[in-house]
Amino acid sequence: MLKLSVEELIEINDFYNGATRVTITHATGNTALLELYDGRDIEEFILSKRDLIMVLRNFYVEDICDIVHSGVNGIIDVKVDKSIEHYPVQISVEDGHKYYCNIEELNYIYGIIDYQKEMLSKC
């Protein structure tokens, strides 16, 4: 199965947010076809059902921004339970909201937080 990076999923989530029409075709097994129409072209993506859920929830655009903002300006609490297959990471932000993701997504978030803190320290 095709494994997409967090960066690719962010791009797909951004396309999803700008689409004027969305078609989802669930395939057998663990995949789905996501077709996004922007008014001129149709972009097609094959996603795992988990990645599709995360895109539909707007995790890769909105939620990651919220987590990074909290991580840079406050404190985030991270708990990892490796016995949970698709969402082993629980991230709690300063307002008490909880987000769930996987280790790859957590590492991406940590990288963005570190980068943002570094940029702020240079100001």
PDB file of N, CA and C in Angstrom:
ATOM      1  N   MET A   1       0.830  -1.182   0.000  1.00  0.00           N
ATOM      2  CA  MET A   1       0.000   0.000   0.000  1.00  0.00           C
ATOM      3  C   MET A   1       0.872   1.243   0.000  1.00  0.00           C
ATOM      4  N   LEU A   2       0.406   2.257  -0.674  1.00  0.00           N
ATOM      5  CA  LEU A   2       1.108   3.528  -0.765  1.00  0.00           C
ATOM      6  C   LEU A   2       1.111   4.224   0.589  1.00  0.00           C
ATOM      7  N   LYS A   3       2.301   4.572   1.081  1.00  0.00           N
ATOM      8  CA  LYS A   3       2.439   5.271   2.355  1.00  0.00           C
ATOM      9  C   LYS A   3       2.786   6.714   2.058  1.00  0.00           C
ATOM     10  N   LEU A   4       1.896   7.623   2.420  1.00  0.00           N
ATOM     11  CA  LEU A   4       2.108   9.037   2.163  1.00  0.00           C
ATOM     12  C   LEU A   4       2.788   9.701   3.348  1.00  0.00           C
ATOM     13  N   SER A   5       3.627  10.672   3.067  1.00  0.00           N
ATOM     14  CA  SER A   5       4.295  11.416   4.129  1.00  0.00           C
ATOM     15  C   SER A   5       3.318  12.431   4.716  1.00  0.00           C
ATOM     16  N   VAL A   6       3.672  12.962   5.868  1.00  0.00           N
ATOM     17  CA  VAL A   6       2.840  13.990   6.488  1.00  0.00           C
ATOM     18  C   VAL A   6       2.767  15.210   5.576  1.00  0.00           C
ATOM     19  N   GLU A   7       3.865  15.568   4.940  1.00  0.00           N
ATOM     20  CA  GLU A   7       3.869  16.716   4.029  1.00  0.00           C
ATOM     21  C   GLU A   7       2.893  16.504   2.867  1.00  0.00           C
ATOM     22  N   GLU A   8       2.865  15.298   2.316  1.00  0.00           N
ATOM     23  CA  GLU A   8       1.927  14.995   1.229  1.00  0.00           C
ATOM     24  C   GLU A   8       0.483  15.060   1.719  1.00  0.00           C
ATOM     25  N   LEU A   9       0.243  14.580   2.923  1.00  0.00           N
ATOM     26  CA  LEU A   9      -1.109  14.613   3.479  1.00  0.00           C
ATOM     27  C   LEU A   9      -1.554  16.041   3.776  1.00  0.00           C
ATOM     28  N   ILE A  10      -0.630  16.892   4.178  1.00  0.00           N
ATOM     29  CA  ILE A  10      -0.950  18.314   4.375  1.00  0.00           C
ATOM     30  C   ILE A  10      -1.387  18.927   3.055  1.00  0.00           C
ATOM     31  N   GLU A  11      -0.662  18.622   1.991  1.00  0.00           N
ATOM     32  CA  GLU A  11      -1.008  19.137   0.668  1.00  0.00           C
ATOM     33  C   GLU A  11      -2.389  18.642   0.226  1.00  0.00           C
ATOM     34  N   ILE A  12      -2.669  17.365   0.440  1.00  0.00           N
ATOM     35  CA  ILE A  12      -3.978  16.805   0.087  1.00  0.00           C
ATOM     36  C   ILE A  12      -5.065  17.471   0.916  1.00  0.00           C
ATOM     37  N   ASN A  13      -4.818  17.683   2.207  1.00  0.00           N
ATOM     38  CA  ASN A  13      -5.795  18.340   3.081  1.00  0.00           C
ATOM     39  C   ASN A  13      -6.067  19.760   2.592  1.00  0.00           C
ATOM     40  N   ASP A  14      -5.027  20.446   2.146  1.00  0.00           N
ATOM     41  CA  ASP A  14      -5.184  21.793   1.603  1.00  0.00           C
ATOM     42  C   ASP A  14      -6.029  21.761   0.326  1.00  0.00           C
ATOM     43  N   PHE A  15      -5.765  20.797  -0.572  1.00  0.00           N
ATOM     44  CA  PHE A  15      -6.595  20.628  -1.774  1.00  0.00           C
ATOM     45  C   PHE A  15      -8.046  20.372  -1.381  1.00  0.00           C
ATOM     46  N   TYR A  16      -8.228  19.516  -0.386  1.00  0.00           N
ATOM     47  CA  TYR A  16      -9.580  19.179   0.082  1.00  0.00           C
ATOM     48  C   TYR A  16     -10.316  20.440   0.541  1.00  0.00           C
ATOM     49  N   ASN A  17      -9.639  21.283   1.301  1.00  0.00           N
ATOM     50  CA  ASN A  17     -10.265  22.508   1.806  1.00  0.00           C
ATOM     51  C   ASN A  17     -10.661  23.465   0.693  1.00  0.00           C
ATOM     52  N   GLY A  18      -9.956  23.427  -0.429  1.00  0.00           N
ATOM     53  CA  GLY A  18     -10.252  24.324  -1.534  1.00  0.00           C
ATOM     54  C   GLY A  18     -11.142  23.725  -2.612  1.00  0.00           C
ATOM     55  N   ALA A  19     -11.535  22.478  -2.451  1.00  0.00           N
ATOM     56  CA  ALA A  19     -12.320  21.793  -3.486  1.00  0.00           C
ATOM     57  C   ALA A  19     -13.761  22.299  -3.516  1.00  0.00           C
ATOM     58  N   THR A  20     -14.305  22.348  -4.718  1.00  0.00           N
ATOM     59  CA  THR A  20     -15.711  22.711  -4.865  1.00  0.00           C
ATOM     60  C   THR A  20     -16.603  21.483  -4.901  1.00  0.00           C
ATOM     61  N   ARG A  21     -15.986  20.317  -5.168  1.00  0.00           N
ATOM     62  CA  ARG A  21     -16.727  19.054  -5.145  1.00  0.00           C
ATOM     63  C   ARG A  21     -15.781  17.957  -4.694  1.00  0.00           C
ATOM     64  N   VAL A  22     -16.293  17.077  -3.843  1.00  0.00           N
ATOM     65  CA  VAL A  22     -15.501  15.977  -3.299  1.00  0.00           C
ATOM     66  C   VAL A  22     -16.254  14.680  -3.554  1.00  0.00           C
ATOM     67  N   THR A  23     -15.544  13.685  -4.092  1.00  0.00           N
ATOM     68  CA  THR A  23     -16.117  12.358  -4.277  1.00  0.00           C
ATOM     69  C   THR A  23     -15.209  11.354  -3.578  1.00  0.00           C
ATOM     70  N   ILE A  24     -15.820  10.513  -2.759  1.00  0.00           N
ATOM     71  CA  ILE A  24     -15.065   9.486  -2.036  1.00  0.00           C
ATOM     72  C   ILE A  24     -15.612   8.127  -2.459  1.00  0.00           C
ATOM     73  N   THR A  25     -14.705   7.281  -2.935  1.00  0.00           N
ATOM     74  CA  THR A  25     -15.069   5.925  -3.317  1.00  0.00           C
ATOM     75  C   THR A  25     -14.290   4.980  -2.425  1.00  0.00           C
ATOM     76  N   HIS A  26     -15.019   4.243  -1.595  1.00  0.00           N
ATOM     77  CA  HIS A  26     -14.352   3.288  -0.705  1.00  0.00           C
ATOM     78  C   HIS A  26     -14.054   2.016  -1.485  1.00  0.00           C
ATOM     79  N   ALA A  27     -12.808   1.635  -1.476  1.00  0.00           N
ATOM     80  CA  ALA A  27     -12.390   0.410  -2.153  1.00  0.00           C
ATOM     81  C   ALA A  27     -12.391  -0.726  -1.131  1.00  0.00           C
ATOM     82  N   THR A  28     -12.156  -1.903  -1.622  1.00  0.00           N
ATOM     83  CA  THR A  28     -12.065  -3.026  -0.702  1.00  0.00           C
ATOM     84  C   THR A  28     -10.792  -2.902   0.110  1.00  0.00           C
ATOM     85  N   GLY A  29     -10.799  -3.490   1.269  1.00  0.00           N
ATOM     86  CA  GLY A  29      -9.615  -3.416   2.125  1.00  0.00           C
ATOM     87  C   GLY A  29      -9.548  -2.095   2.842  1.00  0.00           C
ATOM     88  N   ASN A  30      -8.369  -1.525   2.861  1.00  0.00           N
ATOM     89  CA  ASN A  30      -8.117  -0.342   3.670  1.00  0.00           C
ATOM     90  C   ASN A  30      -7.864   0.909   2.837  1.00  0.00           C
ATOM     91  N   THR A  31      -8.394   0.994   1.626  1.00  0.00           N
ATOM     92  CA  THR A  31      -8.113   2.147   0.782  1.00  0.00           C
ATOM     93  C   THR A  31      -9.391   2.840   0.326  1.00  0.00           C
ATOM     94  N   ALA A  32      -9.215   4.092  -0.030  1.00  0.00           N
ATOM     95  CA  ALA A  32     -10.313   4.882  -0.567  1.00  0.00           C
ATOM     96  C   ALA A  32      -9.743   5.800  -1.642  1.00  0.00           C
ATOM     97  N   LEU A  33     -10.558   6.096  -2.631  1.00  0.00           N
ATOM     98  CA  LEU A  33     -10.200   7.039  -3.688  1.00  0.00           C
ATOM     99  C   LEU A  33     -10.862   8.362  -3.355  1.00  0.00           C
ATOM    100  N   LEU A  34     -10.069   9.400  -3.239  1.00  0.00           N
ATOM    101  CA  LEU A  34     -10.556  10.741  -2.957  1.00  0.00           C
ATOM    102  C   LEU A  34     -10.370  11.571  -4.218  1.00  0.00           C
ATOM    103  N   GLU A  35     -11.479  12.051  -4.780  1.00  0.00           N
ATOM    104  CA  GLU A  35     -11.442  12.901  -5.971  1.00  0.00           C
ATOM    105  C   GLU A  35     -11.845  14.310  -5.564  1.00  0.00           C
ATOM    106  N   LEU A  36     -10.981  15.262  -5.879  1.00  0.00           N
ATOM    107  CA  LEU A  36     -11.211  16.652  -5.514  1.00  0.00           C
ATOM    108  C   LEU A  36     -11.290  17.497  -6.777  1.00  0.00           C
ATOM    109  N   TYR A  37     -12.384  18.213  -6.920  1.00  0.00           N
ATOM    110  CA  TYR A  37     -12.606  19.065  -8.092  1.00  0.00           C
ATOM    111  C   TYR A  37     -12.471  20.510  -7.646  1.00  0.00           C
ATOM    112  N   ASP A  38     -11.626  21.265  -8.326  1.00  0.00           N
ATOM    113  CA  ASP A  38     -11.389  22.664  -7.945  1.00  0.00           C
ATOM    114  C   ASP A  38     -12.071  23.666  -8.872  1.00  0.00           C
ATOM    115  N   GLY A  39     -12.952  23.196  -9.733  1.00  0.00           N
ATOM    116  CA  GLY A  39     -13.617  24.080 -10.685  1.00  0.00           C
ATOM    117  C   GLY A  39     -13.069  23.930 -12.089  1.00  0.00           C
ATOM    118  N   ARG A  40     -11.854  23.381 -12.208  1.00  0.00           N
ATOM    119  CA  ARG A  40     -11.238  23.161 -13.514  1.00  0.00           C
ATOM    120  C   ARG A  40     -10.753  21.729 -13.682  1.00  0.00           C
ATOM    121  N   ASP A  41     -10.065  21.236 -12.675  1.00  0.00           N
ATOM    122  CA  ASP A  41      -9.427  19.928 -12.769  1.00  0.00           C
ATOM    123  C   ASP A  41      -9.885  19.025 -11.627  1.00  0.00           C
ATOM    124  N   ILE A  42      -9.731  17.731 -11.854  1.00  0.00           N
ATOM    125  CA  ILE A  42      -9.988  16.748 -10.812  1.00  0.00           C
ATOM    126  C   ILE A  42      -8.649  16.150 -10.394  1.00  0.00           C
ATOM    127  N   GLU A  43      -8.370  16.222  -9.094  1.00  0.00           N
ATOM    128  CA  GLU A  43      -7.175  15.596  -8.533  1.00  0.00           C
ATOM    129  C   GLU A  43      -7.631  14.323  -7.842  1.00  0.00           C
ATOM    130  N   GLU A  44      -6.932  13.219  -8.081  1.00  0.00           N
ATOM    131  CA  GLU A  44      -7.280  11.941  -7.476  1.00  0.00           C
ATOM    132  C   GLU A  44      -6.170  11.493  -6.531  1.00  0.00           C
ATOM    133  N   PHE A  45      -6.587  10.992  -5.368  1.00  0.00           N
ATOM    134  CA  PHE A  45      -5.645  10.512  -4.369  1.00  0.00           C
ATOM    135  C   PHE A  45      -6.138   9.178  -3.833  1.00  0.00           C
ATOM    136  N   ILE A  46      -5.241   8.236  -3.696  1.00  0.00           N
ATOM    137  CA  ILE A  46      -5.558   6.968  -3.049  1.00  0.00           C
ATOM    138  C   ILE A  46      -5.010   7.055  -1.638  1.00  0.00           C
ATOM    139  N   LEU A  47      -5.909   6.932  -0.667  1.00  0.00           N
ATOM    140  CA  LEU A  47      -5.553   7.085   0.734  1.00  0.00           C
ATOM    141  C   LEU A  47      -5.957   5.853   1.524  1.00  0.00           C
ATOM    142  N   SER A  48      -5.251   5.634   2.617  1.00  0.00           N
ATOM    143  CA  SER A  48      -5.746   4.631   3.563  1.00  0.00           C
ATOM    144  C   SER A  48      -7.004   5.227   4.202  1.00  0.00           C
ATOM    145  N   LYS A  49      -7.830   4.375   4.759  1.00  0.00           N
ATOM    146  CA  LYS A  49      -9.041   4.887   5.399  1.00  0.00           C
ATOM    147  C   LYS A  49      -8.692   5.782   6.584  1.00  0.00           C
ATOM    148  N   ARG A  50      -7.608   5.477   7.280  1.00  0.00           N
ATOM    149  CA  ARG A  50      -7.178   6.324   8.387  1.00  0.00           C
ATOM    150  C   ARG A  50      -6.782   7.709   7.897  1.00  0.00           C
ATOM    151  N   ASP A  51      -5.972   7.766   6.823  1.00  0.00           N
ATOM    152  CA  ASP A  51      -5.558   9.058   6.281  1.00  0.00           C
ATOM    153  C   ASP A  51      -6.757   9.849   5.765  1.00  0.00           C
ATOM    154  N   LEU A  52      -7.715   9.158   5.161  1.00  0.00           N
ATOM    155  CA  LEU A  52      -8.933   9.822   4.696  1.00  0.00           C
ATOM    156  C   LEU A  52      -9.674  10.456   5.864  1.00  0.00           C
ATOM    157  N   ILE A  53      -9.818   9.723   6.956  1.00  0.00           N
ATOM    158  CA  ILE A  53     -10.492  10.264   8.144  1.00  0.00           C
ATOM    159  C   ILE A  53      -9.777  11.514   8.641  1.00  0.00           C
ATOM    160  N   MET A  54      -8.451  11.465   8.677  1.00  0.00           N
ATOM    161  CA  MET A  54      -7.679  12.608   9.162  1.00  0.00           C
ATOM    162  C   MET A  54      -7.829  13.823   8.241  1.00  0.00           C
ATOM    163  N   VAL A  55      -7.886  13.599   6.932  1.00  0.00           N
ATOM    164  CA  VAL A  55      -8.102  14.700   5.993  1.00  0.00           C
ATOM    165  C   VAL A  55      -9.502  15.286   6.189  1.00  0.00           C
ATOM    166  N   LEU A  56     -10.505  14.427   6.298  1.00  0.00           N
ATOM    167  CA  LEU A  56     -11.879  14.901   6.468  1.00  0.00           C
ATOM    168  C   LEU A  56     -12.050  15.664   7.785  1.00  0.00           C
ATOM    169  N   ARG A  57     -11.292  15.292   8.802  1.00  0.00           N
ATOM    170  CA  ARG A  57     -11.332  16.000  10.087  1.00  0.00           C
ATOM    171  C   ARG A  57     -10.511  17.290  10.051  1.00  0.00           C
ATOM    172  N   ASN A  58      -9.783  17.525   8.979  1.00  0.00           N
ATOM    173  CA  ASN A  58      -8.935  18.699   8.791  1.00  0.00           C
ATOM    174  C   ASN A  58      -7.742  18.703   9.753  1.00  0.00           C
ATOM    175  N   PHE A  59      -7.285  17.496  10.120  1.00  0.00           N
ATOM    176  CA  PHE A  59      -6.168  17.376  11.046  1.00  0.00           C
ATOM    177  C   PHE A  59      -4.902  18.007  10.490  1.00  0.00           C
ATOM    178  N   TYR A  60      -4.592  17.738   9.240  1.00  0.00           N
ATOM    179  CA  TYR A  60      -3.296  18.137   8.678  1.00  0.00           C
ATOM    180  C   TYR A  60      -3.152  19.625   8.461  1.00  0.00           C
ATOM    181  N   VAL A  61      -4.239  20.347   8.453  1.00  0.00           N
ATOM    182  CA  VAL A  61      -4.148  21.793   8.285  1.00  0.00           C
ATOM    183  C   VAL A  61      -4.482  22.494   9.602  1.00  0.00           C
ATOM    184  N   GLU A  62      -5.690  22.335  10.066  1.00  0.00           N
ATOM    185  CA  GLU A  62      -6.147  23.079  11.234  1.00  0.00           C
ATOM    186  C   GLU A  62      -5.584  22.541  12.550  1.00  0.00           C
ATOM    187  N   ASP A  63      -5.718  21.250  12.788  1.00  0.00           N
ATOM    188  CA  ASP A  63      -5.308  20.687  14.079  1.00  0.00           C
ATOM    189  C   ASP A  63      -3.812  20.806  14.317  1.00  0.00           C
ATOM    190  N   ILE A  64      -3.007  20.521  13.299  1.00  0.00           N
ATOM    191  CA  ILE A  64      -1.552  20.648  13.465  1.00  0.00           C
ATOM    192  C   ILE A  64      -1.186  22.093  13.793  1.00  0.00           C
ATOM    193  N   CYS A  65      -1.844  23.061  13.167  1.00  0.00           N
ATOM    194  CA  CYS A  65      -1.574  24.476  13.483  1.00  0.00           C
ATOM    195  C   CYS A  65      -1.909  24.783  14.937  1.00  0.00           C
ATOM    196  N   ASP A  66      -3.042  24.270  15.421  1.00  0.00           N
ATOM    197  CA  ASP A  66      -3.422  24.489  16.820  1.00  0.00           C
ATOM    198  C   ASP A  66      -2.400  23.877  17.773  1.00  0.00           C
ATOM    199  N   ILE A  67      -1.963  22.655  17.470  1.00  0.00           N
ATOM    200  CA  ILE A  67      -0.993  21.975  18.329  1.00  0.00           C
ATOM    201  C   ILE A  67       0.335  22.730  18.333  1.00  0.00           C
ATOM    202  N   VAL A  68       0.810  23.133  17.158  1.00  0.00           N
ATOM    203  CA  VAL A  68       2.076  23.856  17.060  1.00  0.00           C
ATOM    204  C   VAL A  68       1.986  25.177  17.815  1.00  0.00           C
ATOM    205  N   HIS A  69       0.892  25.890  17.650  1.00  0.00           N
ATOM    206  CA  HIS A  69       0.708  27.163  18.357  1.00  0.00           C
ATOM    207  C   HIS A  69       0.809  26.949  19.870  1.00  0.00           C
ATOM    208  N   SER A  70       0.132  25.922  20.363  1.00  0.00           N
ATOM    209  CA  SER A  70       0.198  25.622  21.800  1.00  0.00           C
ATOM    210  C   SER A  70       1.604  25.200  22.218  1.00  0.00           C
ATOM    211  N   GLY A  71       2.264  24.424  21.369  1.00  0.00           N
ATOM    212  CA  GLY A  71       3.612  23.954  21.683  1.00  0.00           C
ATOM    213  C   GLY A  71       4.643  25.065  21.710  1.00  0.00           C
ATOM    214  N   VAL A  72       4.460  26.059  20.857  1.00  0.00           N
ATOM    215  CA  VAL A  72       5.399  27.184  20.807  1.00  0.00           C
ATOM    216  C   VAL A  72       5.113  28.175  21.933  1.00  0.00           C
ATOM    217  N   ASN A  73       3.848  28.449  22.182  1.00  0.00           N
ATOM    218  CA  ASN A  73       3.461  29.482  23.141  1.00  0.00           C
ATOM    219  C   ASN A  73       3.086  28.951  24.517  1.00  0.00           C
ATOM    220  N   GLY A  74       3.058  27.685  24.671  1.00  0.00           N
ATOM    221  CA  GLY A  74       2.647  27.121  25.944  1.00  0.00           C
ATOM    222  C   GLY A  74       3.218  25.737  26.124  1.00  0.00           C
ATOM    223  N   ILE A  75       2.378  24.891  26.636  1.00  0.00           N
ATOM    224  CA  ILE A  75       2.811  23.535  26.924  1.00  0.00           C
ATOM    225  C   ILE A  75       1.832  22.556  26.293  1.00  0.00           C
ATOM    226  N   ILE A  76       2.389  21.498  25.715  1.00  0.00           N
ATOM    227  CA  ILE A  76       1.552  20.394  25.268  1.00  0.00           C
ATOM    228  C   ILE A  76       1.936  19.171  26.090  1.00  0.00           C
ATOM    229  N   ASP A  77       0.936  18.341  26.350  1.00  0.00           N
ATOM    230  CA  ASP A  77       1.160  17.104  27.088  1.00  0.00           C
ATOM    231  C   ASP A  77       0.970  15.959  26.110  1.00  0.00           C
ATOM    232  N   VAL A  78       1.965  15.096  25.982  1.00  0.00           N
ATOM    233  CA  VAL A  78       1.934  14.005  25.016  1.00  0.00           C
ATOM    234  C   VAL A  78       1.964  12.677  25.752  1.00  0.00           C
ATOM    235  N   LYS A  79       1.020  11.811  25.395  1.00  0.00           N
ATOM    236  CA  LYS A  79       0.989  10.451  25.932  1.00  0.00           C
ATOM    237  C   LYS A  79       0.981   9.494  24.756  1.00  0.00           C
ATOM    238  N   VAL A  80       1.798   8.455  24.842  1.00  0.00           N
ATOM    239  CA  VAL A  80       1.890   7.466  23.770  1.00  0.00           C
ATOM    240  C   VAL A  80       1.497   6.108  24.335  1.00  0.00           C
ATOM    241  N   ASP A  81       0.565   5.450  23.651  1.00  0.00           N
ATOM    242  CA  ASP A  81       0.138   4.097  24.000  1.00  0.00           C
ATOM    243  C   ASP A  81       0.307   3.245  22.749  1.00  0.00           C
ATOM    244  N   LYS A  82       1.445   2.575  22.640  1.00  0.00           N
ATOM    245  CA  LYS A  82       1.766   1.830  21.420  1.00  0.00           C
ATOM    246  C   LYS A  82       0.854   0.642  21.175  1.00  0.00           C
ATOM    247  N   SER A  83      -0.015   0.322  22.114  1.00  0.00           N
ATOM    248  CA  SER A  83      -0.965  -0.781  21.896  1.00  0.00           C
ATOM    249  C   SER A  83      -2.142  -0.339  21.028  1.00  0.00           C
ATOM    250  N   ILE A  84      -2.273   0.963  20.804  1.00  0.00           N
ATOM    251  CA  ILE A  84      -3.335   1.497  19.948  1.00  0.00           C
ATOM    252  C   ILE A  84      -2.765   1.626  18.539  1.00  0.00           C
ATOM    253  N   GLU A  85      -3.390   0.961  17.576  1.00  0.00           N
ATOM    254  CA  GLU A  85      -2.803   0.847  16.237  1.00  0.00           C
ATOM    255  C   GLU A  85      -2.746   2.162  15.457  1.00  0.00           C
ATOM    256  N   HIS A  86      -3.869   2.810  15.240  1.00  0.00           N
ATOM    257  CA  HIS A  86      -3.899   3.944  14.318  1.00  0.00           C
ATOM    258  C   HIS A  86      -3.688   5.312  14.976  1.00  0.00           C
ATOM    259  N   TYR A  87      -4.000   5.433  16.248  1.00  0.00           N
ATOM    260  CA  TYR A  87      -3.901   6.720  16.938  1.00  0.00           C
ATOM    261  C   TYR A  87      -3.223   6.538  18.299  1.00  0.00           C
ATOM    262  N   PRO A  88      -1.963   6.116  18.316  1.00  0.00           N
ATOM    263  CA  PRO A  88      -1.300   5.812  19.590  1.00  0.00           C
ATOM    264  C   PRO A  88      -0.895   7.042  20.400  1.00  0.00           C
ATOM    265  N   VAL A  89      -0.956   8.227  19.807  1.00  0.00           N
ATOM    266  CA  VAL A  89      -0.489   9.434  20.471  1.00  0.00           C
ATOM    267  C   VAL A  89      -1.685  10.310  20.838  1.00  0.00           C
ATOM    268  N   GLN A  90      -1.701  10.737  22.089  1.00  0.00           N
ATOM    269  CA  GLN A  90      -2.697  11.711  22.545  1.00  0.00           C
ATOM    270  C   GLN A  90      -1.957  12.984  22.907  1.00  0.00           C
ATOM    271  N   ILE A  91      -2.352  14.094  22.292  1.00  0.00           N
ATOM    272  CA  ILE A  91      -1.736  15.389  22.572  1.00  0.00           C
ATOM    273  C   ILE A  91      -2.800  16.273  23.205  1.00  0.00           C
ATOM    274  N   SER A  92      -2.513  16.753  24.416  1.00  0.00           N
ATOM    275  CA  SER A  92      -3.410  17.687  25.085  1.00  0.00           C
ATOM    276  C   SER A  92      -2.767  19.068  25.033  1.00  0.00           C
ATOM    277  N   VAL A  93      -3.544  20.060  24.641  1.00  0.00           N
ATOM    278  CA  VAL A  93      -3.035  21.426  24.562  1.00  0.00           C
ATOM    279  C   VAL A  93      -3.528  22.213  25.772  1.00  0.00           C
ATOM    280  N   GLU A  94      -3.056  23.450  25.888  1.00  0.00           N
ATOM    281  CA  GLU A  94      -3.298  24.233  27.099  1.00  0.00           C
ATOM    282  C   GLU A  94      -4.769  24.491  27.406  1.00  0.00           C
ATOM    283  N   ASP A  95      -5.644  24.502  26.406  1.00  0.00           N
ATOM    284  CA  ASP A  95      -7.070  24.714  26.675  1.00  0.00           C
ATOM    285  C   ASP A  95      -7.796  23.416  27.028  1.00  0.00           C
ATOM    286  N   GLY A  96      -7.045  22.302  27.090  1.00  0.00           N
ATOM    287  CA  GLY A  96      -7.620  21.018  27.462  1.00  0.00           C
ATOM    288  C   GLY A  96      -8.066  20.159  26.291  1.00  0.00           C
ATOM    289  N   HIS A  97      -8.044  20.719  25.092  1.00  0.00           N
ATOM    290  CA  HIS A  97      -8.460  19.941  23.917  1.00  0.00           C
ATOM    291  C   HIS A  97      -7.449  18.821  23.668  1.00  0.00           C
ATOM    292  N   LYS A  98      -7.946  17.674  23.236  1.00  0.00           N
ATOM    293  CA  LYS A  98      -7.090  16.523  22.957  1.00  0.00           C
ATOM    294  C   LYS A  98      -7.128  16.197  21.468  1.00  0.00           C
ATOM    295  N   TYR A  99      -5.964  15.893  20.931  1.00  0.00           N
ATOM    296  CA  TYR A  99      -5.805  15.479  19.539  1.00  0.00           C
ATOM    297  C   TYR A  99      -5.166  14.101  19.539  1.00  0.00           C
ATOM    298  N   TYR A 100      -5.470  13.326  18.520  1.00  0.00           N
ATOM    299  CA  TYR A 100      -4.927  11.978  18.405  1.00  0.00           C
ATOM    300  C   TYR A 100      -4.246  11.829  17.058  1.00  0.00           C
ATOM    301  N   CYS A 101      -3.058  11.204  17.064  1.00  0.00           N
ATOM    302  CA  CYS A 101      -2.304  11.037  15.827  1.00  0.00           C
ATOM    303  C   CYS A 101      -1.372   9.841  15.971  1.00  0.00           C
ATOM    304  N   ASN A 102      -0.484   9.664  14.995  1.00  0.00           N
ATOM    305  CA  ASN A 102       0.500   8.582  15.075  1.00  0.00           C
ATOM    306  C   ASN A 102       1.894   9.162  15.340  1.00  0.00           C
ATOM    307  N   ILE A 103       2.862   8.297  15.482  1.00  0.00           N
ATOM    308  CA  ILE A 103       4.231   8.722  15.825  1.00  0.00           C
ATOM    309  C   ILE A 103       4.846   9.592  14.728  1.00  0.00           C
ATOM    310  N   GLU A 104       4.646   9.235  13.466  1.00  0.00           N
ATOM    311  CA  GLU A 104       5.191  10.038  12.366  1.00  0.00           C
ATOM    312  C   GLU A 104       4.634  11.459  12.412  1.00  0.00           C
ATOM    313  N   GLU A 105       3.350  11.579  12.657  1.00  0.00           N
ATOM    314  CA  GLU A 105       2.731  12.911  12.742  1.00  0.00           C
ATOM    315  C   GLU A 105       3.258  13.674  13.958  1.00  0.00           C
ATOM    316  N   LEU A 106       3.437  12.984  15.074  1.00  0.00           N
ATOM    317  CA  LEU A 106       3.998  13.620  16.268  1.00  0.00           C
ATOM    318  C   LEU A 106       5.405  14.142  15.993  1.00  0.00           C
ATOM    319  N   ASN A 107       6.238  13.336  15.345  1.00  0.00           N
ATOM    320  CA  ASN A 107       7.600  13.779  15.021  1.00  0.00           C
ATOM    321  C   ASN A 107       7.585  14.997  14.110  1.00  0.00           C
ATOM    322  N   TYR A 108       6.667  15.031  13.154  1.00  0.00           N
ATOM    323  CA  TYR A 108       6.520  16.189  12.274  1.00  0.00           C
ATOM    324  C   TYR A 108       6.148  17.425  13.106  1.00  0.00           C
ATOM    325  N   ILE A 109       5.196  17.260  14.009  1.00  0.00           N
ATOM    326  CA  ILE A 109       4.752  18.367  14.862  1.00  0.00           C
ATOM    327  C   ILE A 109       5.910  18.875  15.719  1.00  0.00           C
ATOM    328  N   TYR A 110       6.659  17.963  16.331  1.00  0.00           N
ATOM    329  CA  TYR A 110       7.816  18.369  17.125  1.00  0.00           C
ATOM    330  C   TYR A 110       8.822  19.158  16.279  1.00  0.00           C
ATOM    331  N   GLY A 111       9.046  18.720  15.044  1.00  0.00           N
ATOM    332  CA  GLY A 111       9.974  19.426  14.157  1.00  0.00           C
ATOM    333  C   GLY A 111       9.516  20.848  13.872  1.00  0.00           C
ATOM    334  N   ILE A 112       8.228  21.028  13.640  1.00  0.00           N
ATOM    335  CA  ILE A 112       7.689  22.372  13.374  1.00  0.00           C
ATOM    336  C   ILE A 112       7.779  23.239  14.628  1.00  0.00           C
ATOM    337  N   ILE A 113       7.458  22.668  15.788  1.00  0.00           N
ATOM    338  CA  ILE A 113       7.555  23.425  17.038  1.00  0.00           C
ATOM    339  C   ILE A 113       8.998  23.875  17.273  1.00  0.00           C
ATOM    340  N   ASP A 114       9.944  22.965  17.112  1.00  0.00           N
ATOM    341  CA  ASP A 114      11.352  23.313  17.306  1.00  0.00           C
ATOM    342  C   ASP A 114      11.792  24.408  16.345  1.00  0.00           C
ATOM    343  N   TYR A 115      11.379  24.298  15.085  1.00  0.00           N
ATOM    344  CA  TYR A 115      11.730  25.306  14.082  1.00  0.00           C
ATOM    345  C   TYR A 115      11.146  26.670  14.458  1.00  0.00           C
ATOM    346  N   GLN A 116       9.878  26.687  14.860  1.00  0.00           N
ATOM    347  CA  GLN A 116       9.227  27.950  15.229  1.00  0.00           C
ATOM    348  C   GLN A 116       9.914  28.580  16.445  1.00  0.00           C
ATOM    349  N   LYS A 117      10.260  27.772  17.432  1.00  0.00           N
ATOM    350  CA  LYS A 117      10.945  28.292  18.618  1.00  0.00           C
ATOM    351  C   LYS A 117      12.309  28.862  18.256  1.00  0.00           C
ATOM    352  N   GLU A 118      13.007  28.178  17.339  1.00  0.00           N
ATOM    353  CA  GLU A 118      14.306  28.666  16.884  1.00  0.00           C
ATOM    354  C   GLU A 118      14.172  30.009  16.179  1.00  0.00           C
ATOM    355  N   MET A 119      13.156  30.137  15.341  1.00  0.00           N
ATOM    356  CA  MET A 119      12.935  31.403  14.638  1.00  0.00           C
ATOM    357  C   MET A 119      12.592  32.519  15.616  1.00  0.00           C
ATOM    358  N   LEU A 120      11.813  32.225  16.641  1.00  0.00           N
ATOM    359  CA  LEU A 120      11.460  33.219  17.634  1.00  0.00           C
ATOM    360  C   LEU A 120      12.663  33.665  18.459  1.00  0.00           C
ATOM    361  N   SER A 121      13.571  32.728  18.732  1.00  0.00           N
ATOM    362  CA  SER A 121      14.743  33.075  19.540  1.00  0.00           C
ATOM    363  C   SER A 121      15.705  33.974  18.773  1.00  0.00           C
ATOM    364  N   LYS A 122      15.611  33.992  17.451  1.00  0.00           N
ATOM    365  CA  LYS A 122      16.483  34.834  16.627  1.00  0.00           C
ATOM    366  C   LYS A 122      15.961  36.255  16.527  1.00  0.00           C
ATOM    367  N   CYS A 123      14.731  36.463  16.931  1.00  0.00           N
ATOM    368  CA  CYS A 123      14.129  37.814  16.836  1.00  0.00           C
ATOM    369  C   CYS A 123      14.546  38.690  17.957  1.00  0.00           C
TER     370      CYS A 123
END
